[in-house]
Amino acid sequence: MVDTGLKMGINGGIYQGTQQQPQGVVIYTQVEDIQIYLDKAVRLGGKVILPITEIPNMVTYAMFADVEGNVMGLIKGPQSVSEKPKKKKPVRKQKKNKKTLKVKRVIKKKARK
């Protein structure tokens, strides 16, 4: 098993296939509603290889084959992690003191000469 260590995304694994599972590489896509995508695959000519399957406390997934026989997997999960936007720190204006203004005037005068 490969663990990405992230809060979202798909971890991976390498295993020996069986007669029920396809041989070769299976690419999984994380979706919010597996059934919607399975239905779309079938509507477009695909075939469900593995119906929605839940492994408690681990994963909910399904597999389908496209019209050319390529097998793909679907994993249930959110499409994005909603995080509160970071608040921008207000830009603080520097106070202009007499000394700073005096230095700026001197620089301007020298630049004119």
Protein backbone atom coordinates (compact mmCIF):
# COMPACT_ATOMS: atom_id res chain seq x y z
CA MET A 1 0.00 0.00 0.00
CA VAL A 2 1.20 3.50 -0.83
CA ASP A 3 0.10 6.32 1.49
CA THR A 4 0.36 9.86 0.10
CA GLY A 5 0.09 11.35 3.58
CA LEU A 6 -2.39 13.95 2.34
CA LYS A 7 -5.87 14.70 3.63
CA MET A 8 -7.35 14.06 0.21
CA GLY A 9 -6.38 12.23 -2.92
CA ILE A 10 -5.97 8.59 -3.67
CA ASN A 11 -3.47 6.33 -2.00
CA GLY A 12 -2.23 3.46 -4.10
CA GLY A 13 -1.37 -0.17 -4.00
CA ILE A 14 0.30 -2.89 -6.00
CA TYR A 15 -1.29 -6.31 -5.91
CA GLN A 16 -1.64 -9.45 -7.95
CA GLY A 17 -4.87 -9.51 -9.92
CA THR A 18 -7.41 -12.32 -9.79
CA GLN A 19 -9.88 -13.66 -12.34
CA GLN A 20 -12.49 -11.23 -11.03
CA GLN A 21 -10.12 -8.27 -11.19
CA PRO A 22 -8.49 -7.02 -14.36
CA GLN A 23 -4.82 -7.59 -15.07
CA GLY A 24 -2.66 -4.53 -15.68
CA VAL A 25 -2.83 -0.96 -14.48
CA VAL A 26 -6.11 0.51 -13.27
CA ILE A 27 -6.31 4.28 -12.95
CA TYR A 28 -8.75 5.54 -10.32
CA THR A 29 -10.47 8.89 -10.31
CA GLN A 30 -11.84 10.44 -7.14
CA VAL A 31 -15.46 11.60 -7.48
CA GLU A 32 -18.14 12.79 -5.10
CA ASP A 33 -20.89 10.47 -6.42
CA ILE A 34 -19.75 7.16 -7.93
CA GLN A 35 -23.21 6.18 -9.20
CA ILE A 36 -23.53 9.27 -11.40
CA TYR A 37 -20.26 8.40 -13.17
CA LEU A 38 -21.05 4.69 -13.47
CA ASP A 39 -24.39 5.56 -15.05
CA LYS A 40 -22.66 7.92 -17.49
CA ALA A 41 -20.09 5.24 -18.43
CA VAL A 42 -22.88 2.74 -19.16
CA ARG A 43 -24.86 5.36 -21.12
CA LEU A 44 -21.77 5.92 -23.29
CA GLY A 45 -21.36 2.21 -24.00
CA GLY A 46 -19.20 1.12 -21.06
CA LYS A 47 -19.75 -1.86 -18.79
CA VAL A 48 -19.68 -2.04 -14.98
CA ILE A 49 -16.92 -4.45 -13.94
CA LEU A 50 -17.30 -4.02 -10.18
CA PRO A 51 -20.40 -2.36 -8.71
CA ILE A 52 -20.06 0.16 -5.90
CA THR A 53 -18.21 -1.62 -3.13
CA GLU A 54 -17.54 -0.31 0.35
CA ILE A 55 -14.71 -1.51 2.52
CA PRO A 56 -15.68 -0.10 5.95
CA ASN A 57 -13.34 2.54 7.35
CA MET A 58 -11.23 2.42 4.17
CA VAL A 59 -12.76 3.12 0.80
CA THR A 60 -15.85 3.08 -1.41
CA TYR A 61 -15.06 2.32 -5.04
CA ALA A 62 -16.28 0.81 -8.31
CA MET A 63 -14.77 -0.20 -11.66
CA PHE A 64 -15.96 0.02 -15.24
CA ALA A 65 -14.65 -0.79 -18.71
CA ASP A 66 -14.96 1.65 -21.59
CA VAL A 67 -16.03 0.62 -25.10
CA GLU A 68 -12.46 -0.48 -25.92
CA GLY A 69 -12.14 -2.60 -22.79
CA ASN A 70 -9.93 -0.24 -20.79
CA VAL A 71 -10.73 -0.65 -17.10
CA MET A 72 -10.96 2.38 -14.85
CA GLY A 73 -11.85 2.82 -11.21
CA LEU A 74 -13.85 5.39 -9.30
CA ILE A 75 -13.18 6.26 -5.66
CA LYS A 76 -15.64 8.18 -3.51
CA GLY A 77 -14.31 11.38 -1.99
CA PRO A 78 -14.64 15.15 -2.05
CA GLN A 79 -13.32 16.94 -5.13
CA SER A 80 -11.57 19.55 -3.05
CA VAL A 81 -10.83 20.30 0.55
CA SER A 82 -12.62 23.42 1.63
CA GLU A 83 -10.27 25.51 3.66
CA LYS A 84 -11.00 28.87 5.15
CA PRO A 85 -9.26 31.51 3.11
CA LYS A 86 -6.32 33.00 4.92
CA LYS A 87 -6.95 36.50 6.13
CA LYS A 88 -4.60 39.03 4.70
CA LYS A 89 -2.78 41.09 7.24
CA PRO A 90 -3.68 44.73 6.91
CA VAL A 91 -0.96 46.84 5.36
CA ARG A 92 0.32 49.26 7.94
CA LYS A 93 1.23 52.66 6.70
CA GLN A 94 4.47 53.91 8.07
CA LYS A 95 4.22 57.06 10.03
CA LYS A 96 6.19 59.85 8.49
CA ASN A 97 8.23 61.53 11.10
CA LYS A 98 10.07 64.82 10.76
CA LYS A 99 13.46 63.14 10.40
CA THR A 100 12.29 60.94 7.48
CA LEU A 101 10.78 63.95 5.68
CA LYS A 102 13.95 65.97 6.18
CA VAL A 103 16.12 63.17 4.70
CA LYS A 104 13.80 62.89 1.67
CA ARG A 105 14.03 66.64 1.04
CA VAL A 106 17.82 66.54 1.17
CA ILE A 107 17.90 63.62 -1.29
CA LYS A 108 15.58 65.46 -3.68
CA LYS A 109 17.71 68.60 -3.55
CA LYS A 110 20.88 66.63 -4.31
CA ALA A 111 19.15 64.89 -7.20
CA ARG A 112 18.19 68.25 -8.76
CA LYS A 113 21.78 69.49 -8.75
